[in-house]
Amino acid sequence: MKKILFLLAFAIGFISCNDEKHVWSFEDMFYFLHNDPSQEGWVEPVTKITVGPGAQVDLLVSRNAFAAKAHPKQTVKVVVEENLSTANPGGDFILSEQAFNFKNKDALQLPLRVNISGGTSGKKIVLRLDYGYYDECSPESRKGDKLIIKIK
């Protein structure tokens, strides 16, 4: 049931064109999710988190199941938006991974951990998923590819 809700939540739909040709359109191909196995029901992308200094944030880099079917092999990078972040990568926080290779259509989620240092109170981390340009998911339509982590 959870998989069905997950698929429905992120399926944007399709537009029917000439002679039964279908063109898919996705708001987001990739997005961040909380890595919480107890999460039930409706699953939606996370775009803002507030944590304390010294926190460990467990996330999933997830991709739309319909996009995975259309593009089985994809690579996405986690980019730190340094112009928007006040925390410094490598010093104030460390990412467990920065490149994610989705090797087939069944690979939908890969784990990402953000370890935040103790003396980071009042700082902000802005992460963005960089996965290039796709006709069916233009950068202007994306809403779940950016995550803001505020540190109390």
C-alpha atoms as a PDB file:
ATOM      1  CA  MET A   1       0.000   0.000   0.000  1.00  0.00           C
ATOM      2  CA  LYS A   2       2.868   2.354   0.867  1.00  0.00           C
ATOM      3  CA  LYS A   3       4.443   1.846  -2.566  1.00  0.00           C
ATOM      4  CA  ILE A   4       1.155   2.629  -4.286  1.00  0.00           C
ATOM      5  CA  LEU A   5       0.759   5.857  -2.316  1.00  0.00           C
ATOM      6  CA  PHE A   6       4.375   6.741  -3.060  1.00  0.00           C
ATOM      7  CA  LEU A   7       3.889   6.234  -6.787  1.00  0.00           C
ATOM      8  CA  LEU A   8       0.658   8.200  -6.843  1.00  0.00           C
ATOM      9  CA  ALA A   9       2.128  11.056  -4.826  1.00  0.00           C
ATOM     10  CA  PHE A  10       4.836  11.766  -7.343  1.00  0.00           C
ATOM     11  CA  ALA A  11       3.168  10.872 -10.601  1.00  0.00           C
ATOM     12  CA  ILE A  12       2.416  14.168 -12.239  1.00  0.00           C
ATOM     13  CA  GLY A  13       0.620  12.627 -15.149  1.00  0.00           C
ATOM     14  CA  PHE A  14       0.927  12.601 -18.832  1.00  0.00           C
ATOM     15  CA  ILE A  15      -0.360  14.657 -21.698  1.00  0.00           C
ATOM     16  CA  SER A  16      -1.802  12.861 -24.666  1.00  0.00           C
ATOM     17  CA  CYS A  17      -0.548  14.048 -28.042  1.00  0.00           C
ATOM     18  CA  ASN A  18      -0.938  13.114 -31.702  1.00  0.00           C
ATOM     19  CA  ASP A  19      -1.727   9.485 -32.533  1.00  0.00           C
ATOM     20  CA  GLU A  20      -1.454   8.009 -29.037  1.00  0.00           C
ATOM     21  CA  LYS A  21       2.000   9.459 -28.475  1.00  0.00           C
ATOM     22  CA  HIS A  22       2.462  10.341 -24.797  1.00  0.00           C
ATOM     23  CA  VAL A  23       4.740  13.008 -23.407  1.00  0.00           C
ATOM     24  CA  TRP A  24       5.508  12.737 -19.704  1.00  0.00           C
ATOM     25  CA  SER A  25       5.940  15.804 -17.564  1.00  0.00           C
ATOM     26  CA  PHE A  26       7.479  15.692 -14.082  1.00  0.00           C
ATOM     27  CA  GLU A  27       7.589  18.451 -11.510  1.00  0.00           C
ATOM     28  CA  ASP A  28      10.574  16.735  -9.897  1.00  0.00           C
ATOM     29  CA  MET A  29      12.625  13.765 -11.031  1.00  0.00           C
ATOM     30  CA  PHE A  30      14.705  13.792  -7.845  1.00  0.00           C
ATOM     31  CA  TYR A  31      13.976  15.037  -4.335  1.00  0.00           C
ATOM     32  CA  PHE A  32      15.004  14.631  -0.695  1.00  0.00           C
ATOM     33  CA  LEU A  33      13.020  12.466   1.755  1.00  0.00           C
ATOM     34  CA  HIS A  34      13.431  11.797   5.478  1.00  0.00           C
ATOM     35  CA  ASN A  35      15.011   8.372   5.971  1.00  0.00           C
ATOM     36  CA  ASP A  36      12.389   7.219   8.447  1.00  0.00           C
ATOM     37  CA  PRO A  37      11.191   3.617   8.023  1.00  0.00           C
ATOM     38  CA  SER A  38       8.276   4.229  10.412  1.00  0.00           C
ATOM     39  CA  GLN A  39       6.825   6.916   8.142  1.00  0.00           C
ATOM     40  CA  GLU A  40       3.393   5.750   7.014  1.00  0.00           C
ATOM     41  CA  GLY A  41       0.967   6.931   4.360  1.00  0.00           C
ATOM     42  CA  TRP A  42       1.576  10.032   2.291  1.00  0.00           C
ATOM     43  CA  VAL A  43       5.252  10.618   1.575  1.00  0.00           C
ATOM     44  CA  GLU A  44       6.305  14.011   0.284  1.00  0.00           C
ATOM     45  CA  PRO A  45       9.626  15.683  -0.437  1.00  0.00           C
ATOM     46  CA  VAL A  46      11.310  17.510   2.407  1.00  0.00           C
ATOM     47  CA  THR A  47      12.523  21.027   1.592  1.00  0.00           C
ATOM     48  CA  LYS A  48      13.171  22.480   5.082  1.00  0.00           C
ATOM     49  CA  ILE A  49      14.542  20.958   8.279  1.00  0.00           C
ATOM     50  CA  THR A  50      15.487  22.564  11.585  1.00  0.00           C
ATOM     51  CA  VAL A  51      18.018  20.714  13.764  1.00  0.00           C
ATOM     52  CA  GLY A  52      20.330  21.417  16.658  1.00  0.00           C
ATOM     53  CA  PRO A  53      24.124  21.681  16.545  1.00  0.00           C
ATOM     54  CA  GLY A  54      25.843  18.289  16.452  1.00  0.00           C
ATOM     55  CA  ALA A  55      22.868  16.651  14.737  1.00  0.00           C
ATOM     56  CA  GLN A  56      22.973  13.829  12.252  1.00  0.00           C
ATOM     57  CA  VAL A  57      20.366  14.134   9.487  1.00  0.00           C
ATOM     58  CA  ASP A  58      19.456  10.899   7.676  1.00  0.00           C
ATOM     59  CA  LEU A  59      17.890  11.470   4.273  1.00  0.00           C
ATOM     60  CA  LEU A  60      17.108   9.620   1.085  1.00  0.00           C
ATOM     61  CA  VAL A  61      17.858  10.945  -2.367  1.00  0.00           C
ATOM     62  CA  SER A  62      14.773   9.666  -4.167  1.00  0.00           C
ATOM     63  CA  ARG A  63      13.604   9.674  -7.730  1.00  0.00           C
ATOM     64  CA  ASN A  64      10.219   9.577  -9.350  1.00  0.00           C
ATOM     65  CA  ALA A  65       9.286   5.999 -10.294  1.00  0.00           C
ATOM     66  CA  PHE A  66       7.920   7.055 -13.673  1.00  0.00           C
ATOM     67  CA  ALA A  67      11.095   9.003 -14.423  1.00  0.00           C
ATOM     68  CA  ALA A  68      13.125   5.930 -13.427  1.00  0.00           C
ATOM     69  CA  LYS A  69      11.234   3.868 -15.967  1.00  0.00           C
ATOM     70  CA  ALA A  70      11.880   6.457 -18.690  1.00  0.00           C
ATOM     71  CA  HIS A  71      15.553   6.965 -17.673  1.00  0.00           C
ATOM     72  CA  PRO A  72      16.807   3.767 -15.945  1.00  0.00           C
ATOM     73  CA  LYS A  73      20.422   4.931 -15.518  1.00  0.00           C
ATOM     74  CA  GLN A  74      20.828   8.370 -13.989  1.00  0.00           C
ATOM     75  CA  THR A  75      23.375  10.235 -11.913  1.00  0.00           C
ATOM     76  CA  VAL A  76      22.534  13.025  -9.504  1.00  0.00           C
ATOM     77  CA  LYS A  77      24.930  15.166  -7.484  1.00  0.00           C
ATOM     78  CA  VAL A  78      24.291  16.895  -4.182  1.00  0.00           C
ATOM     79  CA  VAL A  79      25.606  20.434  -4.543  1.00  0.00           C
ATOM     80  CA  VAL A  80      26.113  22.836  -1.645  1.00  0.00           C
ATOM     81  CA  GLU A  81      24.713  26.244  -2.577  1.00  0.00           C
ATOM     82  CA  GLU A  82      27.651  28.093  -1.026  1.00  0.00           C
ATOM     83  CA  ASN A  83      26.248  31.529  -1.888  1.00  0.00           C
ATOM     84  CA  LEU A  84      23.102  30.740   0.157  1.00  0.00           C
ATOM     85  CA  SER A  85      24.725  28.661   2.940  1.00  0.00           C
ATOM     86  CA  THR A  86      26.311  30.154   6.036  1.00  0.00           C
ATOM     87  CA  ALA A  87      27.775  26.812   7.178  1.00  0.00           C
ATOM     88  CA  ASN A  88      31.011  25.671   5.547  1.00  0.00           C
ATOM     89  CA  PRO A  89      31.215  22.211   3.936  1.00  0.00           C
ATOM     90  CA  GLY A  90      33.969  20.057   5.403  1.00  0.00           C
ATOM     91  CA  GLY A  91      34.174  22.143   8.584  1.00  0.00           C
ATOM     92  CA  ASP A  92      30.651  22.833   9.812  1.00  0.00           C
ATOM     93  CA  PHE A  93      29.100  19.787   8.154  1.00  0.00           C
ATOM     94  CA  ILE A  94      30.047  16.695   6.159  1.00  0.00           C
ATOM     95  CA  LEU A  95      27.975  14.904   3.505  1.00  0.00           C
ATOM     96  CA  SER A  96      28.289  11.108   3.422  1.00  0.00           C
ATOM     97  CA  GLU A  97      28.009  11.129  -0.384  1.00  0.00           C
ATOM     98  CA  GLN A  98      27.898  13.728  -3.123  1.00  0.00           C
ATOM     99  CA  ALA A  99      27.249  11.623  -6.249  1.00  0.00           C
ATOM    100  CA  PHE A 100      24.476   9.072  -6.562  1.00  0.00           C
ATOM    101  CA  ASN A 101      24.334   6.567  -9.411  1.00  0.00           C
ATOM    102  CA  PHE A 102      20.936   5.041 -10.029  1.00  0.00           C
ATOM    103  CA  LYS A 103      21.831   1.931 -12.040  1.00  0.00           C
ATOM    104  CA  ASN A 104      18.406   0.656 -13.125  1.00  0.00           C
ATOM    105  CA  LYS A 105      14.703   1.469 -13.086  1.00  0.00           C
ATOM    106  CA  ASP A 106      14.224  -0.330  -9.759  1.00  0.00           C
ATOM    107  CA  ALA A 107      16.738   1.871  -7.914  1.00  0.00           C
ATOM    108  CA  LEU A 108      14.543   4.614  -6.458  1.00  0.00           C
ATOM    109  CA  GLN A 109      16.230   5.692  -3.215  1.00  0.00           C
ATOM    110  CA  LEU A 110      19.809   6.030  -1.994  1.00  0.00           C
ATOM    111  CA  PRO A 111      20.841   7.146   1.530  1.00  0.00           C
ATOM    112  CA  LEU A 112      22.477  10.468   2.367  1.00  0.00           C
ATOM    113  CA  ARG A 113      23.706  11.479   5.818  1.00  0.00           C
ATOM    114  CA  VAL A 114      24.546  15.042   6.846  1.00  0.00           C
ATOM    115  CA  ASN A 115      26.763  15.215   9.954  1.00  0.00           C
ATOM    116  CA  ILE A 116      26.651  18.669  11.524  1.00  0.00           C
ATOM    117  CA  SER A 117      29.410  19.907  13.851  1.00  0.00           C
ATOM    118  CA  GLY A 118      28.744  21.098  17.378  1.00  0.00           C
ATOM    119  CA  GLY A 119      29.563  24.802  17.050  1.00  0.00           C
ATOM    120  CA  THR A 120      27.206  25.627  14.200  1.00  0.00           C
ATOM    121  CA  SER A 121      24.305  27.286  16.000  1.00  0.00           C
ATOM    122  CA  GLY A 122      22.481  29.876  13.870  1.00  0.00           C
ATOM    123  CA  LYS A 123      23.940  28.660  10.568  1.00  0.00           C
ATOM    124  CA  LYS A 124      22.171  27.412   7.462  1.00  0.00           C
ATOM    125  CA  ILE A 125      22.983  24.672   4.918  1.00  0.00           C
ATOM    126  CA  VAL A 126      21.401  24.809   1.459  1.00  0.00           C
ATOM    127  CA  LEU A 127      21.674  21.660  -0.669  1.00  0.00           C
ATOM    128  CA  ARG A 128      20.493  21.219  -4.254  1.00  0.00           C
ATOM    129  CA  LEU A 129      20.147  18.105  -6.402  1.00  0.00           C
ATOM    130  CA  ASP A 130      21.922  18.628  -9.713  1.00  0.00           C
ATOM    131  CA  TYR A 131      20.753  16.236 -12.402  1.00  0.00           C
ATOM    132  CA  GLY A 132      21.042  18.216 -15.583  1.00  0.00           C
ATOM    133  CA  TYR A 133      18.370  19.099 -18.087  1.00  0.00           C
ATOM    134  CA  TYR A 134      15.519  16.855 -19.181  1.00  0.00           C
ATOM    135  CA  ASP A 135      12.748  18.016 -21.513  1.00  0.00           C
ATOM    136  CA  GLU A 136      10.132  16.444 -19.254  1.00  0.00           C
ATOM    137  CA  CYS A 137      11.489  18.127 -16.094  1.00  0.00           C
ATOM    138  CA  SER A 138      12.709  21.638 -16.763  1.00  0.00           C
ATOM    139  CA  PRO A 139      14.655  23.444 -14.012  1.00  0.00           C
ATOM    140  CA  GLU A 140      11.881  26.061 -13.789  1.00  0.00           C
ATOM    141  CA  SER A 141       9.289  23.459 -12.742  1.00  0.00           C
ATOM    142  CA  ARG A 142      11.357  21.812  -9.998  1.00  0.00           C
ATOM    143  CA  LYS A 143      10.199  22.271  -6.420  1.00  0.00           C
ATOM    144  CA  GLY A 144      11.718  19.425  -4.383  1.00  0.00           C
ATOM    145  CA  ASP A 145      15.330  19.564  -5.509  1.00  0.00           C
ATOM    146  CA  LYS A 146      16.478  22.050  -2.843  1.00  0.00           C
ATOM    147  CA  LEU A 147      16.807  21.427   0.899  1.00  0.00           C
ATOM    148  CA  ILE A 148      17.408  24.084   3.558  1.00  0.00           C
ATOM    149  CA  ILE A 149      18.770  22.846   6.894  1.00  0.00           C
ATOM    150  CA  LYS A 150      18.564  25.486   9.636  1.00  0.00           C
ATOM    151  CA  ILE A 151      20.653  24.919  12.735  1.00  0.00           C
ATOM    152  CA  LYS A 152      19.108  26.262  15.987  1.00  0.00           C
END
